[in-house]
Amino acid sequence: MKQIQINGTEPDILNKVCEDLVFTQYQESFVVIESANVTNMKFNAIWYSLCFEGDSVIWRQGQEPQQADNHSFESCLVSVRCSEHADYVGASLLGINYTKENDSIKVQFTFSSGNDLVIEYNQLTDSAAVIC
């Protein structure tokens, strides 16, 4: 079994307060196909994005996510801002855990609120989902 590869540098966000959370979803004909195409999190006024490719978890530092300029709703990207989700936003991030089982990679974020946020990537379908 292949190991999980980290592409980029895991950000120094442990024990820091999550200030914002935005998921970029992929939709087809208004049906969510992928709920976490990109996971964007803000800590100390800096945005970080998490996505997947093959056996890799990809971390990037960047700018605030913007709503995509879609030309059709047959297939489109949609930003879902979770700014008021108190289980995560306003809570400190206590841990990040990476696991791989069969054709799935999970990234588990543990927050001081007592709640976990899990992003699960299915390598067979090349899609990521939010599991709360």
N, C-alpha and C. Protein backbone atom coordinates (compact mmCIF):
# COMPACT_ATOMS: atom_id res chain seq x y z
N MET A 1 0.84 -1.19 0.00
CA MET A 1 0.00 0.00 0.00
C MET A 1 0.88 1.24 0.00
N LYS A 2 0.55 2.19 -0.87
CA LYS A 2 1.31 3.44 -0.94
C LYS A 2 1.02 4.31 0.27
N GLN A 3 2.00 5.08 0.65
CA GLN A 3 1.86 6.01 1.76
C GLN A 3 1.27 7.33 1.26
N ILE A 4 0.71 8.09 2.18
CA ILE A 4 0.22 9.42 1.86
C ILE A 4 1.42 10.35 1.69
N GLN A 5 1.40 11.11 0.63
CA GLN A 5 2.44 12.10 0.38
C GLN A 5 1.87 13.50 0.69
N ILE A 6 2.65 14.32 1.36
CA ILE A 6 2.25 15.71 1.60
C ILE A 6 2.94 16.56 0.56
N ASN A 7 2.16 17.23 -0.26
CA ASN A 7 2.69 18.12 -1.30
C ASN A 7 2.53 19.54 -0.78
N GLY A 8 3.63 20.25 -0.66
CA GLY A 8 3.62 21.56 -0.01
C GLY A 8 3.99 21.36 1.45
N THR A 9 3.80 22.37 2.23
CA THR A 9 4.14 22.31 3.65
C THR A 9 2.87 22.43 4.47
N GLU A 10 2.70 21.48 5.39
CA GLU A 10 1.56 21.60 6.30
C GLU A 10 1.71 22.91 7.06
N PRO A 11 0.68 23.75 7.06
CA PRO A 11 0.80 25.05 7.73
C PRO A 11 0.92 24.93 9.25
N ASP A 12 1.53 25.91 9.85
CA ASP A 12 1.68 25.98 11.30
C ASP A 12 0.40 26.56 11.89
N ILE A 13 -0.63 25.71 11.99
CA ILE A 13 -1.95 26.19 12.42
C ILE A 13 -2.45 25.50 13.69
N LEU A 14 -1.67 24.58 14.23
CA LEU A 14 -2.09 23.93 15.47
C LEU A 14 -2.15 24.93 16.61
N ASN A 15 -3.19 24.79 17.43
CA ASN A 15 -3.44 25.67 18.57
C ASN A 15 -3.75 27.11 18.17
N LYS A 16 -4.14 27.29 16.91
CA LYS A 16 -4.56 28.61 16.43
C LYS A 16 -6.06 28.56 16.17
N VAL A 17 -6.70 29.71 16.25
CA VAL A 17 -8.15 29.81 16.07
C VAL A 17 -8.50 29.87 14.59
N CYS A 18 -9.42 29.03 14.19
CA CYS A 18 -9.93 29.04 12.82
C CYS A 18 -10.83 30.28 12.67
N GLU A 19 -10.48 31.16 11.75
CA GLU A 19 -11.22 32.41 11.56
C GLU A 19 -12.28 32.31 10.48
N ASP A 20 -12.12 31.36 9.57
CA ASP A 20 -13.10 31.21 8.49
C ASP A 20 -12.90 29.85 7.84
N LEU A 21 -13.94 29.37 7.18
CA LEU A 21 -13.91 28.06 6.54
C LEU A 21 -14.78 28.14 5.28
N VAL A 22 -14.19 27.79 4.14
CA VAL A 22 -14.92 27.83 2.87
C VAL A 22 -14.63 26.55 2.09
N PHE A 23 -15.69 25.89 1.65
CA PHE A 23 -15.54 24.71 0.80
C PHE A 23 -15.89 25.10 -0.63
N THR A 24 -15.09 24.66 -1.58
CA THR A 24 -15.42 24.81 -2.99
C THR A 24 -16.01 23.49 -3.44
N GLN A 25 -17.28 23.52 -3.82
CA GLN A 25 -17.99 22.32 -4.25
C GLN A 25 -18.02 22.24 -5.77
N TYR A 26 -18.08 21.01 -6.27
CA TYR A 26 -18.31 20.79 -7.69
C TYR A 26 -19.73 20.27 -7.83
N GLN A 27 -20.52 20.95 -8.69
CA GLN A 27 -21.92 20.56 -8.89
C GLN A 27 -22.21 20.33 -10.36
N GLU A 28 -23.13 19.41 -10.61
CA GLU A 28 -23.64 19.18 -11.96
C GLU A 28 -25.16 19.26 -11.90
N SER A 29 -25.73 20.14 -12.69
CA SER A 29 -27.19 20.33 -12.73
C SER A 29 -27.77 20.50 -11.33
N PHE A 30 -27.10 21.32 -10.51
CA PHE A 30 -27.51 21.67 -9.15
C PHE A 30 -27.39 20.51 -8.16
N VAL A 31 -26.72 19.44 -8.53
CA VAL A 31 -26.49 18.31 -7.63
C VAL A 31 -25.02 18.34 -7.22
N VAL A 32 -24.76 18.28 -5.90
CA VAL A 32 -23.39 18.30 -5.40
C VAL A 32 -22.74 16.96 -5.72
N ILE A 33 -21.68 17.01 -6.52
CA ILE A 33 -20.94 15.82 -6.89
C ILE A 33 -19.74 15.65 -5.96
N GLU A 34 -19.14 16.78 -5.60
CA GLU A 34 -17.96 16.78 -4.73
C GLU A 34 -18.09 17.94 -3.76
N SER A 35 -18.29 17.63 -2.47
CA SER A 35 -18.56 18.69 -1.49
C SER A 35 -17.30 19.42 -1.01
N ALA A 36 -16.12 18.84 -1.29
CA ALA A 36 -14.88 19.48 -0.82
C ALA A 36 -13.80 19.39 -1.89
N ASN A 37 -14.10 19.92 -3.08
CA ASN A 37 -13.09 19.96 -4.13
C ASN A 37 -11.84 20.66 -3.61
N VAL A 38 -12.05 21.76 -2.90
CA VAL A 38 -10.98 22.47 -2.18
C VAL A 38 -11.54 22.88 -0.82
N THR A 39 -10.75 22.66 0.24
CA THR A 39 -11.11 23.12 1.57
C THR A 39 -10.21 24.29 1.91
N ASN A 40 -10.81 25.45 2.20
CA ASN A 40 -10.07 26.67 2.51
C ASN A 40 -10.30 27.04 3.97
N MET A 41 -9.20 27.26 4.69
CA MET A 41 -9.29 27.61 6.11
C MET A 41 -8.41 28.84 6.36
N LYS A 42 -8.91 29.70 7.25
CA LYS A 42 -8.18 30.94 7.57
C LYS A 42 -7.74 30.91 9.03
N PHE A 43 -6.44 31.11 9.24
CA PHE A 43 -5.85 31.18 10.57
C PHE A 43 -4.89 32.38 10.58
N ASN A 44 -4.93 33.20 11.62
CA ASN A 44 -4.03 34.37 11.73
C ASN A 44 -4.04 35.23 10.47
N ALA A 45 -5.24 35.44 9.90
CA ALA A 45 -5.45 36.27 8.72
C ALA A 45 -4.80 35.71 7.46
N ILE A 46 -4.42 34.44 7.46
CA ILE A 46 -3.80 33.80 6.29
C ILE A 46 -4.69 32.64 5.85
N TRP A 47 -4.96 32.57 4.55
CA TRP A 47 -5.76 31.50 3.98
C TRP A 47 -4.87 30.33 3.58
N TYR A 48 -5.36 29.11 3.86
CA TYR A 48 -4.68 27.88 3.46
C TYR A 48 -5.69 27.02 2.72
N SER A 49 -5.23 26.35 1.68
CA SER A 49 -6.13 25.45 0.95
C SER A 49 -5.61 24.03 1.02
N LEU A 50 -6.54 23.11 1.03
CA LEU A 50 -6.25 21.68 1.08
C LEU A 50 -7.02 21.02 -0.05
N CYS A 51 -6.31 20.21 -0.84
CA CYS A 51 -6.97 19.41 -1.87
C CYS A 51 -6.16 18.13 -2.05
N PHE A 52 -6.57 17.29 -2.99
CA PHE A 52 -5.99 15.96 -3.14
C PHE A 52 -5.70 15.67 -4.60
N GLU A 53 -4.72 14.80 -4.80
CA GLU A 53 -4.42 14.28 -6.14
C GLU A 53 -3.68 12.96 -5.95
N GLY A 54 -4.26 11.87 -6.42
CA GLY A 54 -3.62 10.56 -6.28
C GLY A 54 -3.40 10.21 -4.81
N ASP A 55 -2.13 9.96 -4.45
CA ASP A 55 -1.77 9.64 -3.06
C ASP A 55 -1.32 10.88 -2.30
N SER A 56 -1.57 12.06 -2.86
CA SER A 56 -1.06 13.30 -2.25
C SER A 56 -2.15 14.14 -1.61
N VAL A 57 -1.80 14.67 -0.44
CA VAL A 57 -2.57 15.72 0.21
C VAL A 57 -1.82 17.00 -0.11
N ILE A 58 -2.50 17.95 -0.72
CA ILE A 58 -1.84 19.16 -1.21
C ILE A 58 -2.23 20.35 -0.34
N TRP A 59 -1.23 20.99 0.26
CA TRP A 59 -1.42 22.20 1.06
C TRP A 59 -0.86 23.38 0.30
N ARG A 60 -1.59 24.50 0.29
CA ARG A 60 -1.11 25.74 -0.31
C ARG A 60 -1.53 26.92 0.57
N GLN A 61 -0.71 27.94 0.57
CA GLN A 61 -1.07 29.20 1.21
C GLN A 61 -1.51 30.12 0.10
N GLY A 62 -2.60 30.87 0.32
CA GLY A 62 -3.09 31.69 -0.77
C GLY A 62 -3.96 32.82 -0.30
N GLN A 63 -4.85 33.21 -1.22
CA GLN A 63 -5.75 34.32 -0.97
C GLN A 63 -7.14 33.80 -0.65
N GLU A 64 -7.97 34.70 -0.18
CA GLU A 64 -9.35 34.35 0.13
C GLU A 64 -10.03 33.76 -1.10
N PRO A 65 -10.72 32.63 -0.94
CA PRO A 65 -11.39 32.02 -2.09
C PRO A 65 -12.49 32.93 -2.62
N GLN A 66 -12.60 32.97 -3.93
CA GLN A 66 -13.61 33.77 -4.60
C GLN A 66 -14.63 32.84 -5.25
N GLN A 67 -15.84 33.35 -5.43
CA GLN A 67 -16.85 32.58 -6.13
C GLN A 67 -16.38 32.39 -7.58
N ALA A 68 -16.47 31.19 -8.09
CA ALA A 68 -16.02 30.89 -9.45
C ALA A 68 -16.89 31.61 -10.47
N ASP A 69 -16.30 31.92 -11.61
CA ASP A 69 -17.01 32.54 -12.72
C ASP A 69 -17.51 31.42 -13.63
N ASN A 70 -18.68 30.90 -13.31
CA ASN A 70 -19.23 29.77 -14.05
C ASN A 70 -20.02 30.27 -15.25
N HIS A 71 -19.89 29.55 -16.35
CA HIS A 71 -20.61 29.93 -17.57
C HIS A 71 -21.87 29.10 -17.77
N SER A 72 -22.03 28.08 -16.92
CA SER A 72 -23.17 27.20 -17.05
C SER A 72 -23.41 26.53 -15.70
N PHE A 73 -24.65 26.20 -15.43
CA PHE A 73 -24.96 25.47 -14.22
C PHE A 73 -25.02 23.96 -14.46
N GLU A 74 -24.75 23.55 -15.71
CA GLU A 74 -24.69 22.11 -15.98
C GLU A 74 -23.54 21.49 -15.21
N SER A 75 -22.41 22.21 -15.13
CA SER A 75 -21.30 21.83 -14.25
C SER A 75 -20.66 23.12 -13.78
N CYS A 76 -20.47 23.24 -12.47
CA CYS A 76 -19.97 24.50 -11.93
C CYS A 76 -19.30 24.29 -10.57
N LEU A 77 -18.53 25.27 -10.18
CA LEU A 77 -17.92 25.32 -8.86
C LEU A 77 -18.68 26.33 -8.01
N VAL A 78 -18.94 25.98 -6.76
CA VAL A 78 -19.70 26.85 -5.87
C VAL A 78 -18.96 26.94 -4.54
N SER A 79 -18.76 28.16 -4.05
CA SER A 79 -18.12 28.36 -2.75
C SER A 79 -19.18 28.36 -1.66
N VAL A 80 -18.93 27.57 -0.63
CA VAL A 80 -19.85 27.49 0.51
C VAL A 80 -19.09 27.97 1.73
N ARG A 81 -19.47 29.16 2.22
CA ARG A 81 -18.80 29.77 3.37
C ARG A 81 -19.48 29.31 4.65
N CYS A 82 -18.66 28.82 5.57
CA CYS A 82 -19.18 28.30 6.85
C CYS A 82 -18.75 29.20 8.00
N SER A 83 -18.74 30.50 7.78
CA SER A 83 -18.23 31.46 8.76
C SER A 83 -18.90 31.39 10.11
N GLU A 84 -20.15 30.97 10.15
CA GLU A 84 -20.88 30.98 11.41
C GLU A 84 -21.03 29.59 12.01
N HIS A 85 -20.27 28.64 11.50
CA HIS A 85 -20.32 27.28 12.03
C HIS A 85 -19.41 27.20 13.25
N ALA A 86 -19.98 27.41 14.43
CA ALA A 86 -19.22 27.57 15.68
C ALA A 86 -18.44 26.32 16.08
N ASP A 87 -18.79 25.17 15.50
CA ASP A 87 -18.02 23.97 15.82
C ASP A 87 -16.58 24.09 15.33
N TYR A 88 -16.36 24.91 14.31
CA TYR A 88 -15.03 25.05 13.72
C TYR A 88 -14.54 26.49 13.75
N VAL A 89 -15.33 27.40 13.22
CA VAL A 89 -14.92 28.81 13.17
C VAL A 89 -15.03 29.38 14.59
N GLY A 90 -13.93 29.95 15.05
CA GLY A 90 -13.86 30.48 16.41
C GLY A 90 -13.27 29.48 17.39
N ALA A 91 -13.03 28.26 16.94
CA ALA A 91 -12.43 27.22 17.79
C ALA A 91 -10.96 27.04 17.40
N SER A 92 -10.16 26.60 18.36
CA SER A 92 -8.74 26.32 18.10
C SER A 92 -8.60 24.94 17.48
N LEU A 93 -7.66 24.84 16.55
CA LEU A 93 -7.35 23.56 15.93
C LEU A 93 -6.35 22.81 16.81
N LEU A 94 -6.75 21.67 17.34
CA LEU A 94 -5.91 20.91 18.27
C LEU A 94 -5.08 19.84 17.59
N GLY A 95 -5.54 19.36 16.43
CA GLY A 95 -4.78 18.29 15.78
C GLY A 95 -5.19 18.08 14.34
N ILE A 96 -4.25 17.53 13.56
CA ILE A 96 -4.49 17.12 12.18
C ILE A 96 -3.98 15.70 12.06
N ASN A 97 -4.83 14.81 11.59
CA ASN A 97 -4.45 13.41 11.46
C ASN A 97 -4.75 12.94 10.03
N TYR A 98 -3.77 12.26 9.43
CA TYR A 98 -3.91 11.73 8.07
C TYR A 98 -3.99 10.21 8.15
N THR A 99 -4.97 9.63 7.48
CA THR A 99 -5.06 8.16 7.42
C THR A 99 -5.39 7.74 6.00
N LYS A 100 -4.92 6.54 5.66
CA LYS A 100 -5.23 5.95 4.34
C LYS A 100 -5.75 4.55 4.57
N GLU A 101 -6.92 4.27 4.00
CA GLU A 101 -7.52 2.94 4.05
C GLU A 101 -8.02 2.60 2.65
N ASN A 102 -7.50 1.50 2.11
CA ASN A 102 -7.88 1.06 0.77
C ASN A 102 -7.71 2.21 -0.22
N ASP A 103 -8.79 2.66 -0.85
CA ASP A 103 -8.70 3.73 -1.85
C ASP A 103 -9.21 5.06 -1.31
N SER A 104 -8.98 5.30 -0.03
CA SER A 104 -9.49 6.49 0.62
C SER A 104 -8.40 7.14 1.48
N ILE A 105 -8.33 8.45 1.42
CA ILE A 105 -7.46 9.24 2.29
C ILE A 105 -8.36 10.13 3.13
N LYS A 106 -8.13 10.15 4.44
CA LYS A 106 -8.90 11.03 5.32
C LYS A 106 -7.95 12.00 6.02
N VAL A 107 -8.39 13.25 6.08
CA VAL A 107 -7.71 14.26 6.88
C VAL A 107 -8.70 14.68 7.96
N GLN A 108 -8.33 14.46 9.20
CA GLN A 108 -9.20 14.75 10.34
C GLN A 108 -8.65 15.95 11.10
N PHE A 109 -9.47 16.98 11.22
CA PHE A 109 -9.14 18.18 11.99
C PHE A 109 -9.90 18.10 13.31
N THR A 110 -9.19 18.18 14.42
CA THR A 110 -9.82 18.14 15.74
C THR A 110 -9.79 19.54 16.33
N PHE A 111 -10.96 20.02 16.75
CA PHE A 111 -11.09 21.39 17.25
C PHE A 111 -11.38 21.41 18.75
N SER A 112 -11.07 22.54 19.36
CA SER A 112 -11.29 22.72 20.81
C SER A 112 -12.76 22.66 21.19
N SER A 113 -13.65 22.80 20.23
CA SER A 113 -15.09 22.71 20.48
C SER A 113 -15.51 21.27 20.80
N GLY A 114 -14.57 20.34 20.60
CA GLY A 114 -14.89 18.93 20.81
C GLY A 114 -15.37 18.24 19.54
N ASN A 115 -15.39 18.97 18.44
CA ASN A 115 -15.86 18.42 17.17
C ASN A 115 -14.71 18.19 16.20
N ASP A 116 -14.89 17.19 15.36
CA ASP A 116 -13.93 16.90 14.31
C ASP A 116 -14.53 17.23 12.96
N LEU A 117 -13.69 17.69 12.07
CA LEU A 117 -14.05 17.90 10.68
C LEU A 117 -13.18 16.95 9.89
N VAL A 118 -13.80 16.08 9.08
CA VAL A 118 -13.05 15.11 8.29
C VAL A 118 -13.32 15.37 6.82
N ILE A 119 -12.24 15.42 6.05
CA ILE A 119 -12.33 15.50 4.59
C ILE A 119 -11.87 14.14 4.08
N GLU A 120 -12.74 13.44 3.36
CA GLU A 120 -12.39 12.12 2.84
C GLU A 120 -12.29 12.16 1.33
N TYR A 121 -11.13 11.74 0.84
CA TYR A 121 -10.86 11.72 -0.60
C TYR A 121 -10.96 10.28 -1.10
N ASN A 122 -11.81 10.06 -2.09
CA ASN A 122 -11.96 8.76 -2.72
C ASN A 122 -11.09 8.76 -3.97
N GLN A 123 -10.05 7.95 -3.96
CA GLN A 123 -9.11 7.93 -5.07
C GLN A 123 -9.72 7.32 -6.34
N LEU A 124 -10.70 6.44 -6.20
CA LEU A 124 -11.32 5.83 -7.37
C LEU A 124 -12.18 6.82 -8.14
N THR A 125 -12.89 7.67 -7.42
CA THR A 125 -13.77 8.65 -8.07
C THR A 125 -13.13 10.03 -8.19
N ASP A 126 -11.92 10.18 -7.62
CA ASP A 126 -11.20 11.45 -7.60
C ASP A 126 -12.10 12.57 -7.06
N SER A 127 -12.71 12.30 -5.90
CA SER A 127 -13.59 13.29 -5.31
C SER A 127 -13.43 13.31 -3.79
N ALA A 128 -13.63 14.48 -3.21
CA ALA A 128 -13.50 14.65 -1.76
C ALA A 128 -14.83 15.10 -1.17
N ALA A 129 -15.09 14.60 0.04
CA ALA A 129 -16.36 14.90 0.69
C ALA A 129 -16.10 15.40 2.12
N VAL A 130 -16.98 16.26 2.59
CA VAL A 130 -16.95 16.75 3.97
C VAL A 130 -17.73 15.77 4.82
N ILE A 131 -17.10 15.35 5.93
CA ILE A 131 -17.78 14.48 6.88
C ILE A 131 -17.71 15.18 8.24
N CYS A 132 -18.86 15.61 8.75
CA CYS A 132 -18.89 16.32 10.04
C CYS A 132 -19.56 15.46 11.07
